[in-house]
Amino acid sequence: MFSEEISPEPAGSENTEMITVTPVATTKVKEIMGQQNPAPVALRVAVVGGGCSGFSYHMAFENSENPTDNVYEFDGLKVLVDQMSEMYLEGVSIDYIETLEGAGFKFNNPNVKSTCGCGSSFSV
């Protein structure tokens, strides 16, 4: 459902929050959620094994929270993160970008050591 581009943030721009969703990304997610029937209650952000470099990001809508989820809120948007993914998402900023080549969600992860050539997986 979502496309993502993975790139590290420039040095010195570390974020002190566990995870950040920019206002542009928040607006876009809420817009997409509003088109779903039934409307989901939250966005799940996770890190899953796989891809050329070892890990990739996963975003999905959820209709309920798990008791072990960490819950973040951005302008009324609930974001759920499972405990295993939490360690890989520290300081991550999620943005939504539109360019001539296309549009999609972009993960800026200061912990990324390398990405693969296709840009859809990373290693830490």
PDB file of N, CA and C in Angstrom:
ATOM      1  N   MET A   1       0.813  -1.179   0.000  1.00  0.00           N
ATOM      2  CA  MET A   1       0.000   0.000   0.000  1.00  0.00           C
ATOM      3  C   MET A   1       0.861   1.250   0.000  1.00  0.00           C
ATOM      4  N   PHE A   2       1.960   1.241   0.750  1.00  0.00           N
ATOM      5  CA  PHE A   2       2.818   2.400   0.855  1.00  0.00           C
ATOM      6  C   PHE A   2       4.153   2.104   0.209  1.00  0.00           C
ATOM      7  N   SER A   3       4.698   3.096  -0.464  1.00  0.00           N
ATOM      8  CA  SER A   3       6.063   2.959  -0.935  1.00  0.00           C
ATOM      9  C   SER A   3       6.952   3.682   0.048  1.00  0.00           C
ATOM     10  N   GLU A   4       8.171   3.239   0.163  1.00  0.00           N
ATOM     11  CA  GLU A   4       9.052   3.922   1.077  1.00  0.00           C
ATOM     12  C   GLU A   4      10.444   4.008   0.527  1.00  0.00           C
ATOM     13  N   GLU A   5      11.127   5.061   0.916  1.00  0.00           N
ATOM     14  CA  GLU A   5      12.516   5.267   0.548  1.00  0.00           C
ATOM     15  C   GLU A   5      13.272   5.376   1.863  1.00  0.00           C
ATOM     16  N   ILE A   6      14.374   4.703   1.966  1.00  0.00           N
ATOM     17  CA  ILE A   6      15.115   4.655   3.217  1.00  0.00           C
ATOM     18  C   ILE A   6      16.429   5.390   3.041  1.00  0.00           C
ATOM     19  N   SER A   7      16.644   6.380   3.895  1.00  0.00           N
ATOM     20  CA  SER A   7      17.914   7.088   3.828  1.00  0.00           C
ATOM     21  C   SER A   7      18.259   7.631   5.200  1.00  0.00           C
ATOM     22  N   PRO A   8      19.539   7.643   5.542  1.00  0.00           N
ATOM     23  CA  PRO A   8      19.925   8.200   6.832  1.00  0.00           C
ATOM     24  C   PRO A   8      19.815   9.711   6.823  1.00  0.00           C
ATOM     25  N   GLU A   9      19.559  10.282   8.017  1.00  0.00           N
ATOM     26  CA  GLU A   9      19.539  11.734   8.128  1.00  0.00           C
ATOM     27  C   GLU A   9      20.963  12.245   8.176  1.00  0.00           C
ATOM     28  N   PRO A  10      21.182  13.486   7.794  1.00  0.00           N
ATOM     29  CA  PRO A  10      22.522  14.054   7.880  1.00  0.00           C
ATOM     30  C   PRO A  10      23.016  14.077   9.328  1.00  0.00           C
ATOM     31  N   ALA A  11      24.325  13.999   9.504  1.00  0.00           N
ATOM     32  CA  ALA A  11      24.920  14.030  10.835  1.00  0.00           C
ATOM     33  C   ALA A  11      24.515  15.305  11.555  1.00  0.00           C
ATOM     34  N   GLY A  12      24.272  15.178  12.861  1.00  0.00           N
ATOM     35  CA  GLY A  12      23.916  16.343  13.657  1.00  0.00           C
ATOM     36  C   GLY A  12      22.439  16.661  13.665  1.00  0.00           C
ATOM     37  N   SER A  13      21.602  15.853  12.989  1.00  0.00           N
ATOM     38  CA  SER A  13      20.177  16.136  12.975  1.00  0.00           C
ATOM     39  C   SER A  13      19.413  15.081  13.771  1.00  0.00           C
ATOM     40  N   GLU A  14      20.063  14.503  14.773  1.00  0.00           N
ATOM     41  CA  GLU A  14      19.413  13.458  15.547  1.00  0.00           C
ATOM     42  C   GLU A  14      18.162  13.984  16.228  1.00  0.00           C
ATOM     43  N   ASN A  15      17.146  13.156  16.233  1.00  0.00           N
ATOM     44  CA  ASN A  15      15.873  13.485  16.842  1.00  0.00           C
ATOM     45  C   ASN A  15      15.833  12.832  18.219  1.00  0.00           C
ATOM     46  N   THR A  16      15.360  13.541  19.231  1.00  0.00           N
ATOM     47  CA  THR A  16      15.314  12.979  20.567  1.00  0.00           C
ATOM     48  C   THR A  16      14.052  12.165  20.817  1.00  0.00           C
ATOM     49  N   GLU A  17      13.049  12.260  19.957  1.00  0.00           N
ATOM     50  CA  GLU A  17      11.836  11.459  20.078  1.00  0.00           C
ATOM     51  C   GLU A  17      12.105  10.049  19.557  1.00  0.00           C
ATOM     52  N   MET A  18      11.341   9.088  20.055  1.00  0.00           N
ATOM     53  CA  MET A  18      11.494   7.714  19.580  1.00  0.00           C
ATOM     54  C   MET A  18      11.168   7.648  18.091  1.00  0.00           C
ATOM     55  N   ILE A  19      10.032   8.221  17.721  1.00  0.00           N
ATOM     56  CA  ILE A  19       9.601   8.213  16.323  1.00  0.00           C
ATOM     57  C   ILE A  19       8.864   9.530  16.083  1.00  0.00           C
ATOM     58  N   THR A  20       9.019  10.061  14.887  1.00  0.00           N
ATOM     59  CA  THR A  20       8.351  11.301  14.514  1.00  0.00           C
ATOM     60  C   THR A  20       7.654  11.102  13.178  1.00  0.00           C
ATOM     61  N   VAL A  21       6.437  11.585  13.084  1.00  0.00           N
ATOM     62  CA  VAL A  21       5.717  11.602  11.812  1.00  0.00           C
ATOM     63  C   VAL A  21       5.493  13.076  11.494  1.00  0.00           C
ATOM     64  N   THR A  22       6.017  13.518  10.349  1.00  0.00           N
ATOM     65  CA  THR A  22       5.907  14.935   9.992  1.00  0.00           C
ATOM     66  C   THR A  22       4.434  15.314   9.777  1.00  0.00           C
ATOM     67  N   PRO A  23       4.119  16.600   9.885  1.00  0.00           N
ATOM     68  CA  PRO A  23       2.742  17.040   9.632  1.00  0.00           C
ATOM     69  C   PRO A  23       2.229  16.642   8.240  1.00  0.00           C
ATOM     70  N   VAL A  24       3.098  16.701   7.231  1.00  0.00           N
ATOM     71  CA  VAL A  24       2.686  16.323   5.868  1.00  0.00           C
ATOM     72  C   VAL A  24       2.324  14.835   5.826  1.00  0.00           C
ATOM     73  N   ALA A  25       3.164  13.991   6.436  1.00  0.00           N
ATOM     74  CA  ALA A  25       2.892  12.549   6.459  1.00  0.00           C
ATOM     75  C   ALA A  25       1.646  12.250   7.287  1.00  0.00           C
ATOM     76  N   THR A  26       1.483  12.936   8.406  1.00  0.00           N
ATOM     77  CA  THR A  26       0.295  12.740   9.245  1.00  0.00           C
ATOM     78  C   THR A  26      -0.974  13.040   8.463  1.00  0.00           C
ATOM     79  N   THR A  27      -0.970  14.160   7.756  1.00  0.00           N
ATOM     80  CA  THR A  27      -2.133  14.550   6.952  1.00  0.00           C
ATOM     81  C   THR A  27      -2.429  13.506   5.888  1.00  0.00           C
ATOM     82  N   LYS A  28      -1.392  12.999   5.213  1.00  0.00           N
ATOM     83  CA  LYS A  28      -1.592  12.018   4.148  1.00  0.00           C
ATOM     84  C   LYS A  28      -2.136  10.704   4.707  1.00  0.00           C
ATOM     85  N   VAL A  29      -1.582  10.242   5.823  1.00  0.00           N
ATOM     86  CA  VAL A  29      -2.073   8.992   6.426  1.00  0.00           C
ATOM     87  C   VAL A  29      -3.533   9.146   6.840  1.00  0.00           C
ATOM     88  N   LYS A  30      -3.862  10.270   7.468  1.00  0.00           N
ATOM     89  CA  LYS A  30      -5.248  10.490   7.890  1.00  0.00           C
ATOM     90  C   LYS A  30      -6.186  10.555   6.692  1.00  0.00           C
ATOM     91  N   GLU A  31      -5.716  11.135   5.604  1.00  0.00           N
ATOM     92  CA  GLU A  31      -6.514  11.203   4.366  1.00  0.00           C
ATOM     93  C   GLU A  31      -6.794   9.788   3.845  1.00  0.00           C
ATOM     94  N   ILE A  32      -5.765   8.944   3.801  1.00  0.00           N
ATOM     95  CA  ILE A  32      -5.928   7.566   3.317  1.00  0.00           C
ATOM     96  C   ILE A  32      -6.817   6.770   4.267  1.00  0.00           C
ATOM     97  N   MET A  33      -6.616   6.958   5.581  1.00  0.00           N
ATOM     98  CA  MET A  33      -7.437   6.250   6.565  1.00  0.00           C
ATOM     99  C   MET A  33      -8.915   6.596   6.405  1.00  0.00           C
ATOM    100  N   GLY A  34      -9.194   7.858   6.083  1.00  0.00           N
ATOM    101  CA  GLY A  34     -10.569   8.305   5.911  1.00  0.00           C
ATOM    102  C   GLY A  34     -11.265   7.662   4.722  1.00  0.00           C
ATOM    103  N   GLN A  35     -10.487   7.116   3.794  1.00  0.00           N
ATOM    104  CA  GLN A  35     -11.046   6.461   2.612  1.00  0.00           C
ATOM    105  C   GLN A  35     -11.313   4.982   2.847  1.00  0.00           C
ATOM    106  N   GLN A  36     -10.868   4.448   3.997  1.00  0.00           N
ATOM    107  CA  GLN A  36     -11.038   3.031   4.307  1.00  0.00           C
ATOM    108  C   GLN A  36     -12.402   2.796   4.952  1.00  0.00           C
ATOM    109  N   ASN A  37     -12.969   1.610   4.718  1.00  0.00           N
ATOM    110  CA  ASN A  37     -14.237   1.258   5.340  1.00  0.00           C
ATOM    111  C   ASN A  37     -14.158  -0.171   5.850  1.00  0.00           C
ATOM    112  N   PRO A  38     -14.202  -0.405   7.139  1.00  0.00           N
ATOM    113  CA  PRO A  38     -14.334   0.595   8.199  1.00  0.00           C
ATOM    114  C   PRO A  38     -13.030   1.358   8.394  1.00  0.00           C
ATOM    115  N   ALA A  39     -13.141   2.554   8.937  1.00  0.00           N
ATOM    116  CA  ALA A  39     -11.960   3.391   9.158  1.00  0.00           C
ATOM    117  C   ALA A  39     -11.082   2.753  10.231  1.00  0.00           C
ATOM    118  N   PRO A  40      -9.781   2.560   9.960  1.00  0.00           N
ATOM    119  CA  PRO A  40      -8.881   1.990  10.965  1.00  0.00           C
ATOM    120  C   PRO A  40      -8.674   2.966  12.120  1.00  0.00           C
ATOM    121  N   VAL A  41      -8.220   2.429  13.262  1.00  0.00           N
ATOM    122  CA  VAL A  41      -8.011   3.278  14.430  1.00  0.00           C
ATOM    123  C   VAL A  41      -6.571   3.757  14.546  1.00  0.00           C
ATOM    124  N   ALA A  42      -5.639   3.093  13.836  1.00  0.00           N
ATOM    125  CA  ALA A  42      -4.229   3.460  13.995  1.00  0.00           C
ATOM    126  C   ALA A  42      -3.408   2.999  12.803  1.00  0.00           C
ATOM    127  N   LEU A  43      -2.205   3.543  12.733  1.00  0.00           N
ATOM    128  CA  LEU A  43      -1.206   3.128  11.753  1.00  0.00           C
ATOM    129  C   LEU A  43      -0.128   2.341  12.493  1.00  0.00           C
ATOM    130  N   ARG A  44       0.168   1.143  12.018  1.00  0.00           N
ATOM    131  CA  ARG A  44       1.258   0.359  12.587  1.00  0.00           C
ATOM    132  C   ARG A  44       2.514   0.579  11.756  1.00  0.00           C
ATOM    133  N   VAL A  45       3.620   0.878  12.432  1.00  0.00           N
ATOM    134  CA  VAL A  45       4.920   1.010  11.799  1.00  0.00           C
ATOM    135  C   VAL A  45       5.805  -0.074  12.403  1.00  0.00           C
ATOM    136  N   ALA A  46       6.430  -0.868  11.547  1.00  0.00           N
ATOM    137  CA  ALA A  46       7.238  -1.982  12.037  1.00  0.00           C
ATOM    138  C   ALA A  46       8.479  -2.155  11.184  1.00  0.00           C
ATOM    139  N   VAL A  47       9.428  -2.864  11.742  1.00  0.00           N
ATOM    140  CA  VAL A  47      10.621  -3.288  11.012  1.00  0.00           C
ATOM    141  C   VAL A  47      10.531  -4.798  10.907  1.00  0.00           C
ATOM    142  N   VAL A  48      10.674  -5.308   9.693  1.00  0.00           N
ATOM    143  CA  VAL A  48      10.597  -6.752   9.467  1.00  0.00           C
ATOM    144  C   VAL A  48      11.889  -7.228   8.811  1.00  0.00           C
ATOM    145  N   GLY A  49      12.219  -8.474   9.058  1.00  0.00           N
ATOM    146  CA  GLY A  49      13.401  -9.057   8.438  1.00  0.00           C
ATOM    147  C   GLY A  49      13.157  -9.280   6.963  1.00  0.00           C
ATOM    148  N   GLY A  50      14.207  -9.103   6.174  1.00  0.00           N
ATOM    149  CA  GLY A  50      14.084  -9.343   4.745  1.00  0.00           C
ATOM    150  C   GLY A  50      14.729  -8.252   3.930  1.00  0.00           C
ATOM    151  N   GLY A  51      14.766  -8.448   2.654  1.00  0.00           N
ATOM    152  CA  GLY A  51      15.392  -7.487   1.759  1.00  0.00           C
ATOM    153  C   GLY A  51      16.878  -7.756   1.636  1.00  0.00           C
ATOM    154  N   CYS A  52      17.501  -7.057   0.734  1.00  0.00           N
ATOM    155  CA  CYS A  52      18.927  -7.251   0.435  1.00  0.00           C
ATOM    156  C   CYS A  52      19.823  -6.963   1.633  1.00  0.00           C
ATOM    157  N   SER A  53      19.461  -5.958   2.426  1.00  0.00           N
ATOM    158  CA  SER A  53      20.327  -5.509   3.513  1.00  0.00           C
ATOM    159  C   SER A  53      19.932  -6.039   4.885  1.00  0.00           C
ATOM    160  N   GLY A  54      18.845  -6.801   4.982  1.00  0.00           N
ATOM    161  CA  GLY A  54      18.501  -7.422   6.253  1.00  0.00           C
ATOM    162  C   GLY A  54      17.183  -7.003   6.856  1.00  0.00           C
ATOM    163  N   PHE A  55      16.790  -5.727   6.744  1.00  0.00           N
ATOM    164  CA  PHE A  55      15.552  -5.243   7.339  1.00  0.00           C
ATOM    165  C   PHE A  55      14.813  -4.344   6.356  1.00  0.00           C
ATOM    166  N   SER A  56      13.497  -4.266   6.522  1.00  0.00           N
ATOM    167  CA  SER A  56      12.717  -3.306   5.756  1.00  0.00           C
ATOM    168  C   SER A  56      11.583  -2.780   6.630  1.00  0.00           C
ATOM    169  N   TYR A  57      11.037  -1.644   6.245  1.00  0.00           N
ATOM    170  CA  TYR A  57       9.951  -1.020   6.984  1.00  0.00           C
ATOM    171  C   TYR A  57       8.618  -1.566   6.505  1.00  0.00           C
ATOM    172  N   HIS A  58       7.663  -1.585   7.419  1.00  0.00           N
ATOM    173  CA  HIS A  58       6.319  -2.052   7.101  1.00  0.00           C
ATOM    174  C   HIS A  58       5.331  -1.068   7.723  1.00  0.00           C
ATOM    175  N   MET A  59       4.352  -0.662   6.932  1.00  0.00           N
ATOM    176  CA  MET A  59       3.280   0.207   7.425  1.00  0.00           C
ATOM    177  C   MET A  59       1.954  -0.441   7.079  1.00  0.00           C
ATOM    178  N   ALA A  60       1.039  -0.466   8.052  1.00  0.00           N
ATOM    179  CA  ALA A  60      -0.280  -1.063   7.826  1.00  0.00           C
ATOM    180  C   ALA A  60      -1.295  -0.413   8.751  1.00  0.00           C
ATOM    181  N   PHE A  61      -2.547  -0.433   8.353  1.00  0.00           N
ATOM    182  CA  PHE A  61      -3.614   0.085   9.198  1.00  0.00           C
ATOM    183  C   PHE A  61      -4.053  -1.000  10.169  1.00  0.00           C
ATOM    184  N   GLU A  62      -4.447  -0.579  11.362  1.00  0.00           N
ATOM    185  CA  GLU A  62      -4.888  -1.506  12.408  1.00  0.00           C
ATOM    186  C   GLU A  62      -6.246  -1.060  12.939  1.00  0.00           C
ATOM    187  N   ASN A  63      -7.049  -2.058  13.339  1.00  0.00           N
ATOM    188  CA  ASN A  63      -8.340  -1.774  13.945  1.00  0.00           C
ATOM    189  C   ASN A  63      -8.307  -1.916  15.458  1.00  0.00           C
ATOM    190  N   SER A  64      -7.166  -2.387  16.000  1.00  0.00           N
ATOM    191  CA  SER A  64      -7.035  -2.501  17.452  1.00  0.00           C
ATOM    192  C   SER A  64      -5.564  -2.472  17.836  1.00  0.00           C
ATOM    193  N   GLU A  65      -5.326  -2.149  19.089  1.00  0.00           N
ATOM    194  CA  GLU A  65      -3.968  -2.125  19.625  1.00  0.00           C
ATOM    195  C   GLU A  65      -3.665  -3.456  20.300  1.00  0.00           C
ATOM    196  N   ASN A  66      -2.403  -3.860  20.272  1.00  0.00           N
ATOM    197  CA  ASN A  66      -1.955  -4.988  21.075  1.00  0.00           C
ATOM    198  C   ASN A  66      -1.544  -4.446  22.437  1.00  0.00           C
ATOM    199  N   PRO A  67      -1.724  -5.219  23.499  1.00  0.00           N
ATOM    200  CA  PRO A  67      -1.365  -4.716  24.835  1.00  0.00           C
ATOM    201  C   PRO A  67       0.107  -4.337  24.978  1.00  0.00           C
ATOM    202  N   THR A  68       0.981  -4.921  24.163  1.00  0.00           N
ATOM    203  CA  THR A  68       2.414  -4.641  24.269  1.00  0.00           C
ATOM    204  C   THR A  68       2.886  -3.540  23.317  1.00  0.00           C
ATOM    205  N   ASP A  69       1.976  -2.974  22.515  1.00  0.00           N
ATOM    206  CA  ASP A  69       2.345  -1.902  21.592  1.00  0.00           C
ATOM    207  C   ASP A  69       2.720  -0.627  22.334  1.00  0.00           C
ATOM    208  N   ASN A  70       3.682   0.091  21.799  1.00  0.00           N
ATOM    209  CA  ASN A  70       3.941   1.457  22.223  1.00  0.00           C
ATOM    210  C   ASN A  70       3.098   2.340  21.317  1.00  0.00           C
ATOM    211  N   VAL A  71       2.396   3.292  21.899  1.00  0.00           N
ATOM    212  CA  VAL A  71       1.458   4.125  21.152  1.00  0.00           C
ATOM    213  C   VAL A  71       1.951   5.568  21.152  1.00  0.00           C
ATOM    214  N   TYR A  72       2.036   6.143  19.961  1.00  0.00           N
ATOM    215  CA  TYR A  72       2.422   7.537  19.784  1.00  0.00           C
ATOM    216  C   TYR A  72       1.272   8.241  19.096  1.00  0.00           C
ATOM    217  N   GLU A  73       1.125   9.528  19.337  1.00  0.00           N
ATOM    218  CA  GLU A  73       0.047  10.264  18.689  1.00  0.00           C
ATOM    219  C   GLU A  73       0.585  11.541  18.061  1.00  0.00           C
ATOM    220  N   PHE A  74       0.169  11.781  16.820  1.00  0.00           N
ATOM    221  CA  PHE A  74       0.586  12.956  16.060  1.00  0.00           C
ATOM    222  C   PHE A  74      -0.656  13.608  15.484  1.00  0.00           C
ATOM    223  N   ASP A  75      -1.075  14.712  16.071  1.00  0.00           N
ATOM    224  CA  ASP A  75      -2.238  15.463  15.587  1.00  0.00           C
ATOM    225  C   ASP A  75      -3.444  14.553  15.366  1.00  0.00           C
ATOM    226  N   GLY A  76      -3.724  13.702  16.351  1.00  0.00           N
ATOM    227  CA  GLY A  76      -4.882  12.811  16.276  1.00  0.00           C
ATOM    228  C   GLY A  76      -4.629  11.492  15.573  1.00  0.00           C
ATOM    229  N   LEU A  77      -3.440  11.293  15.010  1.00  0.00           N
ATOM    230  CA  LEU A  77      -3.097  10.029  14.360  1.00  0.00           C
ATOM    231  C   LEU A  77      -2.372   9.142  15.362  1.00  0.00           C
ATOM    232  N   LYS A  78      -2.952   7.979  15.647  1.00  0.00           N
ATOM    233  CA  LYS A  78      -2.297   7.014  16.523  1.00  0.00           C
ATOM    234  C   LYS A  78      -1.332   6.174  15.701  1.00  0.00           C
ATOM    235  N   VAL A  79      -0.102   6.044  16.201  1.00  0.00           N
ATOM    236  CA  VAL A  79       0.915   5.222  15.555  1.00  0.00           C
ATOM    237  C   VAL A  79       1.327   4.137  16.551  1.00  0.00           C
ATOM    238  N   LEU A  80       1.214   2.882  16.129  1.00  0.00           N
ATOM    239  CA  LEU A  80       1.548   1.737  16.967  1.00  0.00           C
ATOM    240  C   LEU A  80       2.893   1.166  16.552  1.00  0.00           C
ATOM    241  N   VAL A  81       3.733   0.852  17.540  1.00  0.00           N
ATOM    242  CA  VAL A  81       5.040   0.247  17.281  1.00  0.00           C
ATOM    243  C   VAL A  81       5.202  -0.927  18.237  1.00  0.00           C
ATOM    244  N   ASP A  82       5.479  -2.111  17.710  1.00  0.00           N
ATOM    245  CA  ASP A  82       5.709  -3.267  18.576  1.00  0.00           C
ATOM    246  C   ASP A  82       7.081  -3.149  19.225  1.00  0.00           C
ATOM    247  N   GLN A  83       7.264  -3.873  20.324  1.00  0.00           N
ATOM    248  CA  GLN A  83       8.500  -3.742  21.101  1.00  0.00           C
ATOM    249  C   GLN A  83       9.747  -4.151  20.320  1.00  0.00           C
ATOM    250  N   MET A  84       9.663  -5.149  19.476  1.00  0.00           N
ATOM    251  CA  MET A  84      10.831  -5.583  18.710  1.00  0.00           C
ATOM    252  C   MET A  84      11.256  -4.506  17.702  1.00  0.00           C
ATOM    253  N   SER A  85      10.279  -3.887  17.046  1.00  0.00           N
ATOM    254  CA  SER A  85      10.590  -2.845  16.058  1.00  0.00           C
ATOM    255  C   SER A  85      11.125  -1.584  16.717  1.00  0.00           C
ATOM    256  N   GLU A  86      10.722  -1.356  17.955  1.00  0.00           N
ATOM    257  CA  GLU A  86      11.090  -0.131  18.662  1.00  0.00           C
ATOM    258  C   GLU A  86      12.604   0.110  18.655  1.00  0.00           C
ATOM    259  N   MET A  87      13.384  -0.950  18.849  1.00  0.00           N
ATOM    260  CA  MET A  87      14.839  -0.767  18.932  1.00  0.00           C
ATOM    261  C   MET A  87      15.456  -0.309  17.604  1.00  0.00           C
ATOM    262  N   TYR A  88      14.800  -0.596  16.494  1.00  0.00           N
ATOM    263  CA  TYR A  88      15.316  -0.188  15.185  1.00  0.00           C
ATOM    264  C   TYR A  88      14.760   1.166  14.732  1.00  0.00           C
ATOM    265  N   LEU A  89      13.751   1.660  15.441  1.00  0.00           N
ATOM    266  CA  LEU A  89      13.073   2.891  15.017  1.00  0.00           C
ATOM    267  C   LEU A  89      13.411   4.106  15.871  1.00  0.00           C
ATOM    268  N   GLU A  90      14.360   3.981  16.777  1.00  0.00           N
ATOM    269  CA  GLU A  90      14.705   5.102  17.637  1.00  0.00           C
ATOM    270  C   GLU A  90      15.224   6.276  16.808  1.00  0.00           C
ATOM    271  N   GLY A  91      14.557   7.416  16.946  1.00  0.00           N
ATOM    272  CA  GLY A  91      14.959   8.618  16.230  1.00  0.00           C
ATOM    273  C   GLY A  91      14.459   8.710  14.796  1.00  0.00           C
ATOM    274  N   VAL A  92      13.663   7.739  14.338  1.00  0.00           N
ATOM    275  CA  VAL A  92      13.174   7.732  12.961  1.00  0.00           C
ATOM    276  C   VAL A  92      12.159   8.845  12.737  1.00  0.00           C
ATOM    277  N   SER A  93      12.264   9.472  11.588  1.00  0.00           N
ATOM    278  CA  SER A  93      11.288  10.457  11.146  1.00  0.00           C
ATOM    279  C   SER A  93      10.644   9.928   9.867  1.00  0.00           C
ATOM    280  N   ILE A  94       9.322   9.949   9.830  1.00  0.00           N
ATOM    281  CA  ILE A  94       8.587   9.503   8.648  1.00  0.00           C
ATOM    282  C   ILE A  94       7.986  10.727   7.983  1.00  0.00           C
ATOM    283  N   ASP A  95       8.279  10.888   6.707  1.00  0.00           N
ATOM    284  CA  ASP A  95       7.786  12.030   5.943  1.00  0.00           C
ATOM    285  C   ASP A  95       7.034  11.511   4.722  1.00  0.00           C
ATOM    286  N   TYR A  96       6.284  12.379   4.093  1.00  0.00           N
ATOM    287  CA  TYR A  96       5.628  12.058   2.825  1.00  0.00           C
ATOM    288  C   TYR A  96       6.149  13.044   1.802  1.00  0.00           C
ATOM    289  N   ILE A  97       6.705  12.511   0.706  1.00  0.00           N
ATOM    290  CA  ILE A  97       7.285  13.383  -0.313  1.00  0.00           C
ATOM    291  C   ILE A  97       6.612  13.150  -1.659  1.00  0.00           C
ATOM    292  N   GLU A  98       6.528  14.209  -2.432  1.00  0.00           N
ATOM    293  CA  GLU A  98       6.009  14.147  -3.798  1.00  0.00           C
ATOM    294  C   GLU A  98       7.060  14.744  -4.711  1.00  0.00           C
ATOM    295  N   THR A  99       7.475  13.963  -5.709  1.00  0.00           N
ATOM    296  CA  THR A  99       8.449  14.438  -6.688  1.00  0.00           C
ATOM    297  C   THR A  99       7.939  14.101  -8.082  1.00  0.00           C
ATOM    298  N   LEU A 100       8.691  14.498  -9.089  1.00  0.00           N
ATOM    299  CA  LEU A 100       8.313  14.153 -10.458  1.00  0.00           C
ATOM    300  C   LEU A 100       8.348  12.644 -10.687  1.00  0.00           C
ATOM    301  N   GLU A 101       9.211  11.952  -9.929  1.00  0.00           N
ATOM    302  CA  GLU A 101       9.335  10.494 -10.075  1.00  0.00           C
ATOM    303  C   GLU A 101       8.216   9.738  -9.372  1.00  0.00           C
ATOM    304  N   GLY A 102       7.528  10.382  -8.462  1.00  0.00           N
ATOM    305  CA  GLY A 102       6.447   9.718  -7.734  1.00  0.00           C
ATOM    306  C   GLY A 102       6.301  10.281  -6.332  1.00  0.00           C
ATOM    307  N   ALA A 103       5.452   9.640  -5.570  1.00  0.00           N
ATOM    308  CA  ALA A 103       5.185  10.081  -4.208  1.00  0.00           C
ATOM    309  C   ALA A 103       5.212   8.880  -3.284  1.00  0.00           C
ATOM    310  N   GLY A 104       5.553   9.129  -2.023  1.00  0.00           N
ATOM    311  CA  GLY A 104       5.549   8.038  -1.061  1.00  0.00           C
ATOM    312  C   GLY A 104       6.087   8.471   0.285  1.00  0.00           C
ATOM    313  N   PHE A 105       6.046   7.541   1.210  1.00  0.00           N
ATOM    314  CA  PHE A 105       6.536   7.789   2.556  1.00  0.00           C
ATOM    315  C   PHE A 105       8.028   7.533   2.600  1.00  0.00           C
ATOM    316  N   LYS A 106       8.740   8.422   3.271  1.00  0.00           N
ATOM    317  CA  LYS A 106      10.194   8.337   3.356  1.00  0.00           C
ATOM    318  C   LYS A 106      10.592   8.207   4.822  1.00  0.00           C
ATOM    319  N   PHE A 107      11.384   7.192   5.115  1.00  0.00           N
ATOM    320  CA  PHE A 107      11.888   6.967   6.465  1.00  0.00           C
ATOM    321  C   PHE A 107      13.294   7.544   6.559  1.00  0.00           C
ATOM    322  N   ASN A 108      13.507   8.465   7.481  1.00  0.00           N
ATOM    323  CA  ASN A 108      14.834   9.004   7.757  1.00  0.00           C
ATOM    324  C   ASN A 108      15.280   8.382   9.074  1.00  0.00           C
ATOM    325  N   ASN A 109      16.211   7.450   8.995  1.00  0.00           N
ATOM    326  CA  ASN A 109      16.642   6.691  10.162  1.00  0.00           C
ATOM    327  C   ASN A 109      18.111   6.978  10.451  1.00  0.00           C
ATOM    328  N   PRO A 110      18.407   7.666  11.575  1.00  0.00           N
ATOM    329  CA  PRO A 110      19.794   7.994  11.892  1.00  0.00           C
ATOM    330  C   PRO A 110      20.637   6.777  12.274  1.00  0.00           C
ATOM    331  N   ASN A 111      20.002   5.630  12.506  1.00  0.00           N
ATOM    332  CA  ASN A 111      20.715   4.418  12.915  1.00  0.00           C
ATOM    333  C   ASN A 111      21.168   3.549  11.754  1.00  0.00           C
ATOM    334  N   VAL A 112      20.727   3.874  10.543  1.00  0.00           N
ATOM    335  CA  VAL A 112      21.032   3.050   9.375  1.00  0.00           C
ATOM    336  C   VAL A 112      22.515   3.159   9.037  1.00  0.00           C
ATOM    337  N   LYS A 113      23.149   1.998   8.878  1.00  0.00           N
ATOM    338  CA  LYS A 113      24.565   1.960   8.485  1.00  0.00           C
ATOM    339  C   LYS A 113      24.708   1.835   6.973  1.00  0.00           C
ATOM    340  N   SER A 114      23.777   1.111   6.333  1.00  0.00           N
ATOM    341  CA  SER A 114      23.821   0.974   4.880  1.00  0.00           C
ATOM    342  C   SER A 114      22.439   0.606   4.362  1.00  0.00           C
ATOM    343  N   THR A 115      22.224   0.900   3.083  1.00  0.00           N
ATOM    344  CA  THR A 115      20.982   0.520   2.410  1.00  0.00           C
ATOM    345  C   THR A 115      21.351  -0.263   1.156  1.00  0.00           C
ATOM    346  N   CYS A 116      20.380  -0.950   0.613  1.00  0.00           N
ATOM    347  CA  CYS A 116      20.654  -1.693  -0.616  1.00  0.00           C
ATOM    348  C   CYS A 116      20.456  -0.767  -1.828  1.00  0.00           C
ATOM    349  N   GLY A 117      20.847  -1.229  -2.967  1.00  0.00           N
ATOM    350  CA  GLY A 117      20.749  -0.425  -4.183  1.00  0.00           C
ATOM    351  C   GLY A 117      19.334  -0.070  -4.567  1.00  0.00           C
ATOM    352  N   CYS A 118      18.376  -0.942  -4.253  1.00  0.00           N
ATOM    353  CA  CYS A 118      16.985  -0.645  -4.628  1.00  0.00           C
ATOM    354  C   CYS A 118      16.324   0.312  -3.645  1.00  0.00           C
ATOM    355  N   GLY A 119      16.962   0.542  -2.473  1.00  0.00           N
ATOM    356  CA  GLY A 119      16.437   1.510  -1.520  1.00  0.00           C
ATOM    357  C   GLY A 119      15.284   1.034  -0.678  1.00  0.00           C
ATOM    358  N   SER A 120      14.987  -0.265  -0.673  1.00  0.00           N
ATOM    359  CA  SER A 120      13.844  -0.723   0.109  1.00  0.00           C
ATOM    360  C   SER A 120      14.235  -1.555   1.320  1.00  0.00           C
ATOM    361  N   SER A 121      15.526  -1.682   1.618  1.00  0.00           N
ATOM    362  CA  SER A 121      15.933  -2.372   2.830  1.00  0.00           C
ATOM    363  C   SER A 121      17.173  -1.695   3.401  1.00  0.00           C
ATOM    364  N   PHE A 122      17.500  -2.044   4.661  1.00  0.00           N
ATOM    365  CA  PHE A 122      18.606  -1.374   5.344  1.00  0.00           C
ATOM    366  C   PHE A 122      19.250  -2.317   6.342  1.00  0.00           C
ATOM    367  N   SER A 123      20.415  -1.920   6.833  1.00  0.00           N
ATOM    368  CA  SER A 123      21.072  -2.654   7.910  1.00  0.00           C
ATOM    369  C   SER A 123      21.493  -1.652   8.980  1.00  0.00           C
ATOM    370  N   VAL A 124      21.603  -2.159  10.210  1.00  0.00           N
ATOM    371  CA  VAL A 124      22.000  -1.294  11.338  1.00  0.00           C
ATOM    372  C   VAL A 124      23.253  -1.825  11.986  1.00  0.00           C
TER     373      VAL A 124
END
